[in-house]
Amino acid sequence: MLPKIFFILGLLLLLVVIGGVVIGYLISAPRYTGPVSDHFDGKNFFTPGAPSPKGFREVIGWQLNHERTQPWPAFHNDQPGPAPPARVSDGSVRVTYVNHSTLLLQFDGLNVLTDPIYENRVSPFQFVGPKRNSPPGIRFDDLPTIDLLLLSHNHWDHLEIATVQKLCARDKTRIFCPLGVKAFLEQNGCQNVTEMDWQQSVVYNPSTTIHCLPAQHFSGRGLFDRNGTLWAGYLIENKAVGKLYFAGDSGYGPHFRAIGERFGPLQLALIPIGAYKPNWFMSPVHCSPAEAVQIHADVRSEQSVAIHFGTFPLADDGELEPVDDLRKALADKSILPDQFRALKPGSSLTLGPKK
């Protein structure tokens, strides 16, 4: 009897493993194919000189031992903010924080959205995975026509394909993405996609140029596409309002100082502050609030806005812990809190016309 039970259990375990591998294959994105470069070895992308992201063994170790320093509260159904204006053309920049790394930039008659996510979970399935703790700060239907969409990389909490598909269908949005991501977008019905490498620049219109810049991170949506596509930040250079920087998702590294030396001073920087604990696990790919303040200085930002916090419980830091630690880090550096703000979902900040 016992051998038969062991056989059945073993068969069930084998089926679970096979099922997991099949699902991992099906949700994996196409890998980039192209020439070798200083950050692509012909198969995988990497950040030169950066520590490697932790692997499967470290992930299991963290999950078995992790403990949040501040537990996340229950879901709070906050009311969304007011609908943004259709356009902003008075020489100012209007920044609206939607949630996580989703921000709406409005300037010079253009509407730009970053890493949009409106789903309830950052996961291939809507029944498991990190679940949002509050609704998006702006209703999707209240978003104005989106001209440009900036995608930093293909992780589930940054490239949420259902939201991107809605924008493509509604607005015929021009999408900028890092190398390799275009194939996945086109597989899912999105056209008008411009794929970019680090240090590449594309003229969008006579007043606006998009620069693709390095970040320190990794990529992948399944078991078979890890580091198969590039990750990046972007700088929008506009003659009317100046230079606007979206850092994407990144650990702290020397690339930030290089960006400041090349492009600074910047009128605005969108800098991540969340998912940084435990430091031993997260630091290769996510910056802490203290490091975010250093990034603010490195890129020579006149005004910074925090991103990547307070929406999904992705690490061991609490919902508001990144904001608390940001406040302390600014005080330690004698930087006024208004120079680096953490906006509430649905709220906006307007930067006056460039002097």
Protein backbone atom coordinates (compact mmCIF):
# COMPACT_ATOMS: atom_id res chain seq x y z
CA MET A 1 0.00 0.00 0.00
CA LEU A 2 2.76 2.46 0.97
CA PRO A 3 4.70 2.13 -2.31
CA LYS A 4 1.47 2.91 -4.20
CA ILE A 5 0.87 6.05 -2.10
CA PHE A 6 4.47 7.20 -2.64
CA PHE A 7 4.06 6.59 -6.36
CA ILE A 8 0.88 8.69 -6.48
CA LEU A 9 2.46 11.50 -4.44
CA GLY A 10 5.53 11.44 -6.65
CA LEU A 11 3.38 11.57 -9.76
CA LEU A 12 1.40 14.51 -8.39
CA LEU A 13 4.62 16.33 -7.53
CA LEU A 14 5.95 15.69 -11.03
CA LEU A 15 2.74 17.03 -12.56
CA VAL A 16 2.97 20.16 -10.40
CA VAL A 17 6.58 20.73 -11.50
CA ILE A 18 5.74 20.15 -15.16
CA GLY A 19 2.74 22.46 -14.87
CA GLY A 20 4.89 25.16 -13.28
CA VAL A 21 7.48 24.88 -16.04
CA VAL A 22 4.80 25.06 -18.75
CA ILE A 23 3.22 28.15 -17.15
CA GLY A 24 6.67 29.70 -16.70
CA TYR A 25 7.32 29.17 -20.39
CA LEU A 26 3.95 30.52 -21.51
CA ILE A 27 4.26 33.77 -19.54
CA SER A 28 7.85 34.41 -20.61
CA ALA A 29 8.38 37.25 -23.06
CA PRO A 30 10.38 37.03 -26.31
CA ARG A 31 14.10 37.55 -25.83
CA TYR A 32 16.06 40.22 -27.67
CA THR A 33 18.37 39.20 -30.49
CA GLY A 34 21.02 41.61 -31.65
CA PRO A 35 24.70 42.51 -31.62
CA VAL A 36 26.88 42.23 -28.53
CA SER A 37 27.46 45.49 -26.64
CA ASP A 38 28.97 46.69 -23.38
CA HIS A 39 25.71 45.70 -21.63
CA PHE A 40 24.56 42.74 -23.76
CA ASP A 41 26.60 39.54 -24.10
CA GLY A 42 24.62 38.12 -27.02
CA LYS A 43 22.09 36.40 -24.76
CA ASN A 44 21.58 38.43 -21.58
CA PHE A 45 21.57 42.10 -20.64
CA PHE A 46 23.53 43.32 -17.61
CA THR A 47 24.57 46.56 -15.94
CA PRO A 48 28.36 46.90 -16.26
CA GLY A 49 30.14 46.93 -12.89
CA ALA A 50 26.93 46.48 -10.89
CA PRO A 51 26.26 43.75 -8.32
CA SER A 52 24.20 40.90 -9.72
CA PRO A 53 20.53 40.67 -8.71
CA LYS A 54 19.85 37.87 -6.23
CA GLY A 55 18.93 34.45 -7.60
CA PHE A 56 16.37 31.78 -6.81
CA ARG A 57 18.17 30.50 -3.70
CA GLU A 58 18.28 33.98 -2.14
CA VAL A 59 14.63 34.56 -3.06
CA ILE A 60 13.61 31.42 -1.17
CA GLY A 61 15.79 32.42 1.80
CA TRP A 62 14.21 35.87 1.95
CA GLN A 63 10.67 34.51 1.66
CA LEU A 64 11.26 32.03 4.46
CA ASN A 65 12.66 34.67 6.82
CA HIS A 66 11.22 38.01 5.80
CA GLU A 67 9.36 40.17 8.28
CA ARG A 68 7.92 43.58 7.50
CA THR A 69 9.23 46.37 9.69
CA GLN A 70 5.87 48.13 9.33
CA PRO A 71 2.86 45.93 8.47
CA TRP A 72 0.72 47.22 5.63
CA PRO A 73 -2.75 48.34 6.73
CA ALA A 74 -5.96 46.97 5.26
CA PHE A 75 -7.02 48.09 1.79
CA HIS A 76 -8.19 51.69 1.88
CA ASN A 77 -10.66 52.75 -0.76
CA ASP A 78 -9.50 56.33 -1.19
CA GLN A 79 -11.45 58.56 -3.53
CA PRO A 80 -9.68 59.31 -6.83
CA GLY A 81 -8.36 62.75 -7.60
CA PRO A 82 -10.00 65.14 -10.07
CA ALA A 83 -9.67 64.56 -13.79
CA PRO A 84 -6.51 66.23 -15.13
CA PRO A 85 -6.84 68.93 -17.78
CA ALA A 86 -6.93 67.84 -21.41
CA ARG A 87 -3.67 69.70 -22.15
CA VAL A 88 -1.16 72.01 -20.46
CA SER A 89 0.38 74.59 -22.79
CA ASP A 90 1.28 77.58 -20.62
CA GLY A 91 4.98 76.82 -20.23
CA SER A 92 4.50 74.90 -16.96
CA VAL A 93 4.86 71.18 -16.15
CA ARG A 94 2.01 69.43 -14.36
CA VAL A 95 2.92 66.16 -12.60
CA THR A 96 0.13 63.87 -11.39
CA TYR A 97 0.89 60.80 -9.26
CA VAL A 98 -1.47 57.95 -10.20
CA ASN A 99 0.13 55.07 -8.28
CA HIS A 100 3.36 53.05 -8.00
CA SER A 101 5.50 54.21 -10.97
CA THR A 102 2.56 55.55 -12.97
CA LEU A 103 2.73 59.33 -13.37
CA LEU A 104 1.14 61.70 -15.83
CA LEU A 105 3.38 64.49 -17.16
CA GLN A 106 1.66 67.35 -18.97
CA PHE A 107 3.67 70.08 -20.68
CA ASP A 108 3.94 71.94 -23.99
CA GLY A 109 0.64 70.43 -25.18
CA LEU A 110 1.90 66.86 -24.62
CA ASN A 111 0.59 64.14 -22.29
CA VAL A 112 3.16 61.56 -21.19
CA LEU A 113 2.43 58.51 -19.02
CA THR A 114 5.01 56.30 -17.31
CA ASP A 115 4.76 52.56 -16.52
CA PRO A 116 0.95 52.45 -16.31
CA ILE A 117 -0.79 49.90 -14.08
CA TYR A 118 -4.49 49.76 -13.28
CA GLU A 119 -4.93 46.05 -12.46
CA ASN A 120 -5.45 44.79 -8.90
CA ARG A 121 -2.37 42.54 -8.81
CA VAL A 122 1.14 42.70 -10.26
CA SER A 123 1.14 39.07 -11.30
CA PRO A 124 0.33 36.87 -14.30
CA PHE A 125 -2.79 35.83 -12.36
CA GLN A 126 -5.45 37.92 -10.65
CA PHE A 127 -5.91 35.42 -7.80
CA VAL A 128 -2.35 35.38 -6.47
CA GLY A 129 0.59 37.79 -6.23
CA PRO A 130 1.12 41.25 -4.72
CA LYS A 131 -2.25 43.00 -4.47
CA ARG A 132 -2.79 46.74 -4.54
CA ASN A 133 -3.54 48.45 -1.23
CA SER A 134 -5.44 51.42 -2.65
CA PRO A 135 -7.13 52.26 -5.96
CA PRO A 136 -5.39 54.27 -8.69
CA GLY A 137 -5.38 57.97 -7.87
CA ILE A 138 -6.87 58.87 -11.26
CA ARG A 139 -9.59 56.83 -12.94
CA PHE A 140 -8.47 55.35 -16.24
CA ASP A 141 -11.40 56.99 -18.03
CA ASP A 142 -10.31 60.36 -16.59
CA LEU A 143 -6.86 60.14 -18.16
CA PRO A 144 -6.53 62.61 -21.04
CA THR A 145 -5.38 61.42 -24.44
CA ILE A 146 -1.90 59.95 -23.90
CA ASP A 147 0.57 60.94 -26.62
CA LEU A 148 3.70 59.21 -25.28
CA LEU A 149 4.05 56.15 -23.09
CA LEU A 150 7.43 55.48 -21.44
CA LEU A 151 8.03 51.85 -20.38
CA SER A 152 11.09 51.28 -18.21
CA HIS A 153 11.18 47.44 -18.39
CA ASN A 154 8.95 44.39 -18.61
CA HIS A 155 8.39 43.41 -14.96
CA TRP A 156 4.74 42.87 -14.07
CA ASP A 157 4.56 45.97 -11.87
CA HIS A 158 5.84 48.21 -14.67
CA LEU A 159 4.52 46.69 -17.90
CA GLU A 160 0.90 45.78 -17.19
CA ILE A 161 -0.20 44.74 -20.63
CA ALA A 162 -3.98 45.10 -20.16
CA THR A 163 -3.60 48.80 -19.35
CA VAL A 164 -1.17 49.32 -22.23
CA GLN A 165 -3.57 47.62 -24.64
CA LYS A 166 -6.38 49.94 -23.54
CA LEU A 167 -4.19 52.98 -24.21
CA CYS A 168 -3.13 51.65 -27.60
CA ALA A 169 -6.75 51.06 -28.60
CA ARG A 170 -8.09 54.33 -27.21
CA ASP A 171 -5.34 56.82 -28.05
CA LYS A 172 -3.00 55.16 -30.61
CA THR A 173 -0.26 56.12 -28.14
CA ARG A 174 3.37 56.31 -29.23
CA ILE A 175 5.30 53.87 -27.02
CA PHE A 176 8.97 54.09 -26.12
CA CYS A 177 10.50 50.93 -24.63
CA PRO A 178 13.94 49.37 -24.08
CA LEU A 179 15.51 46.82 -26.42
CA GLY A 180 13.56 43.57 -26.74
CA VAL A 181 10.24 44.78 -25.32
CA LYS A 182 8.79 45.75 -28.70
CA ALA A 183 8.21 42.12 -29.74
CA PHE A 184 6.07 41.45 -26.66
CA LEU A 185 4.04 44.62 -27.22
CA GLU A 186 3.42 43.79 -30.87
CA GLN A 187 2.40 40.24 -29.92
CA ASN A 188 -0.29 41.88 -27.81
CA GLY A 189 -1.64 44.14 -30.52
CA CYS A 190 0.26 47.36 -29.81
CA GLN A 191 1.71 49.28 -32.72
CA ASN A 192 3.59 52.59 -32.99
CA VAL A 193 6.38 51.24 -30.77
CA THR A 194 9.89 52.71 -30.72
CA GLU A 195 12.56 50.47 -29.20
CA MET A 196 15.63 52.16 -27.72
CA ASP A 197 19.07 51.29 -26.39
CA TRP A 198 20.94 53.13 -23.65
CA GLN A 199 22.37 56.47 -24.82
CA GLN A 200 20.12 56.48 -27.87
CA SER A 201 18.04 59.58 -28.62
CA VAL A 202 14.88 59.94 -30.71
CA VAL A 203 13.35 63.22 -31.86
CA TYR A 204 9.61 63.09 -31.16
CA ASN A 205 8.78 66.52 -32.54
CA PRO A 206 10.77 69.70 -33.25
CA SER A 207 10.58 70.68 -29.56
CA THR A 208 10.96 67.29 -27.86
CA THR A 209 13.68 64.65 -27.79
CA ILE A 210 13.55 61.37 -25.85
CA HIS A 211 16.84 60.05 -24.44
CA CYS A 212 17.10 56.43 -23.24
CA LEU A 213 19.47 56.17 -20.27
CA PRO A 214 21.05 53.41 -18.14
CA ALA A 215 19.49 51.92 -15.03
CA GLN A 216 20.67 49.19 -12.64
CA HIS A 217 18.04 46.49 -12.60
CA PHE A 218 16.99 43.25 -14.37
CA SER A 219 14.08 41.99 -16.47
CA GLY A 220 11.80 39.03 -17.02
CA ARG A 221 8.16 37.96 -16.91
CA GLY A 222 8.54 34.16 -16.63
CA LEU A 223 11.03 31.35 -16.11
CA PHE A 224 12.79 31.58 -19.45
CA ASP A 225 13.32 35.28 -20.21
CA ARG A 226 15.36 36.61 -17.27
CA ASN A 227 17.51 39.50 -18.51
CA GLY A 228 16.39 38.77 -22.06
CA THR A 229 15.26 42.38 -22.57
CA LEU A 230 16.73 45.71 -21.49
CA TRP A 231 15.71 48.02 -18.63
CA ALA A 232 16.14 51.80 -18.75
CA GLY A 233 15.31 55.30 -17.60
CA TYR A 234 14.36 58.20 -19.86
CA LEU A 235 15.04 61.89 -20.11
CA ILE A 236 12.60 64.13 -21.97
CA GLU A 237 14.31 67.23 -23.34
CA ASN A 238 11.76 69.87 -24.27
CA LYS A 239 12.62 73.37 -25.47
CA ALA A 240 9.66 74.96 -23.68
CA VAL A 241 10.01 73.42 -20.21
CA GLY A 242 13.50 71.94 -19.91
CA LYS A 243 14.66 68.44 -18.94
CA LEU A 244 12.38 65.89 -17.25
CA TYR A 245 13.90 62.63 -16.00
CA PHE A 246 12.11 59.34 -15.30
CA ALA A 247 14.57 57.04 -13.52
CA GLY A 248 12.48 53.88 -13.99
CA ASP A 249 13.42 51.09 -11.57
CA SER A 250 17.02 51.05 -10.39
CA GLY A 251 19.51 50.33 -7.68
CA TYR A 252 21.98 53.08 -6.85
CA GLY A 253 24.99 53.31 -9.15
CA PRO A 254 27.45 55.69 -10.85
CA HIS A 255 25.17 56.12 -13.87
CA PHE A 256 23.18 58.75 -11.95
CA ARG A 257 26.16 61.04 -11.53
CA ALA A 258 26.96 60.55 -15.23
CA ILE A 259 23.41 61.62 -16.13
CA GLY A 260 23.79 64.75 -14.01
CA GLU A 261 27.11 65.59 -15.62
CA ARG A 262 25.70 65.16 -19.12
CA PHE A 263 22.25 66.71 -18.77
CA GLY A 264 22.07 68.64 -15.49
CA PRO A 265 20.60 70.69 -14.10
CA LEU A 266 17.24 68.96 -14.51
CA GLN A 267 13.92 70.70 -14.01
CA LEU A 268 12.26 67.50 -12.72
CA ALA A 269 13.31 63.99 -11.68
CA LEU A 270 11.00 61.07 -10.90
CA ILE A 271 12.97 58.86 -8.51
CA PRO A 272 12.00 55.51 -6.90
CA ILE A 273 12.03 55.25 -3.09
CA GLY A 274 10.24 51.96 -2.24
CA ALA A 275 10.78 48.16 -2.06
CA TYR A 276 14.24 48.56 -0.49
CA LYS A 277 14.12 46.17 2.50
CA PRO A 278 15.91 43.99 3.29
CA ASN A 279 18.89 45.92 2.02
CA TRP A 280 21.06 42.81 1.42
CA PHE A 281 18.48 41.48 -1.02
CA MET A 282 17.03 44.61 -2.64
CA SER A 283 19.98 46.99 -2.97
CA PRO A 284 21.27 45.65 -6.33
CA VAL A 285 17.96 46.51 -8.01
CA HIS A 286 16.10 49.08 -5.84
CA CYS A 287 17.36 52.24 -4.17
CA SER A 288 16.55 53.22 -0.61
CA PRO A 289 15.10 56.64 0.27
CA ALA A 290 18.56 57.76 1.41
CA GLU A 291 20.01 56.68 -1.94
CA ALA A 292 17.12 58.41 -3.71
CA VAL A 293 18.17 61.67 -2.04
CA GLN A 294 21.70 61.08 -3.29
CA ILE A 295 20.29 60.49 -6.78
CA HIS A 296 18.45 63.82 -6.49
CA ALA A 297 21.85 65.43 -5.91
CA ASP A 298 23.72 63.33 -8.48
CA VAL A 299 21.40 64.18 -11.37
CA ARG A 300 21.28 67.85 -10.25
CA SER A 301 17.51 67.90 -9.98
CA GLU A 302 15.80 71.16 -9.09
CA GLN A 303 12.57 69.34 -8.19
CA SER A 304 12.12 65.61 -7.54
CA VAL A 305 8.99 63.50 -7.08
CA ALA A 306 8.99 60.06 -5.46
CA ILE A 307 7.75 56.97 -7.29
CA HIS A 308 7.59 53.20 -6.68
CA PHE A 309 6.05 53.23 -3.20
CA GLY A 310 2.81 52.85 -1.28
CA THR A 311 0.74 50.81 -3.75
CA PHE A 312 1.88 47.17 -3.77
CA PRO A 313 3.60 45.31 -0.87
CA LEU A 314 6.64 44.14 -2.84
CA ALA A 315 9.28 44.04 -0.10
CA ASP A 316 9.69 44.28 3.69
CA ASP A 317 9.19 48.04 3.99
CA GLY A 318 5.75 49.23 5.05
CA GLU A 319 3.26 51.31 3.09
CA LEU A 320 4.44 54.70 4.42
CA GLU A 321 7.92 53.72 5.58
CA PRO A 322 9.60 54.92 2.35
CA VAL A 323 8.00 58.35 2.82
CA ASP A 324 9.10 58.52 6.48
CA ASP A 325 12.65 57.52 5.55
CA LEU A 326 12.69 60.01 2.68
CA ARG A 327 11.78 62.79 5.07
CA LYS A 328 14.62 61.77 7.43
CA ALA A 329 17.14 61.50 4.58
CA LEU A 330 16.27 64.98 3.30
CA ALA A 331 16.69 66.43 6.78
CA ASP A 332 20.07 64.68 7.15
CA LYS A 333 21.25 66.38 3.94
CA SER A 334 19.66 69.74 4.83
CA ILE A 335 17.45 69.59 1.74
CA LEU A 336 14.07 71.28 1.97
CA PRO A 337 11.23 68.71 1.87
CA ASP A 338 9.50 70.64 -0.91
CA GLN A 339 12.45 69.88 -3.21
CA PHE A 340 11.72 66.14 -3.13
CA ARG A 341 8.04 65.41 -2.66
CA ALA A 342 6.07 62.20 -2.19
CA LEU A 343 2.65 62.95 -3.64
CA LYS A 344 -0.53 61.20 -2.61
CA PRO A 345 -2.28 59.20 -5.35
CA GLY A 346 -4.40 61.53 -7.45
CA SER A 347 -2.58 64.70 -6.38
CA SER A 348 -0.61 66.98 -8.66
CA LEU A 349 2.35 69.34 -8.60
CA THR A 350 2.80 72.20 -11.07
CA LEU A 351 6.23 73.59 -11.87
CA GLY A 352 6.17 77.16 -13.12
CA PRO A 353 7.42 78.20 -16.56
CA LYS A 354 11.15 77.76 -17.13
CA LYS A 355 13.10 80.90 -16.26
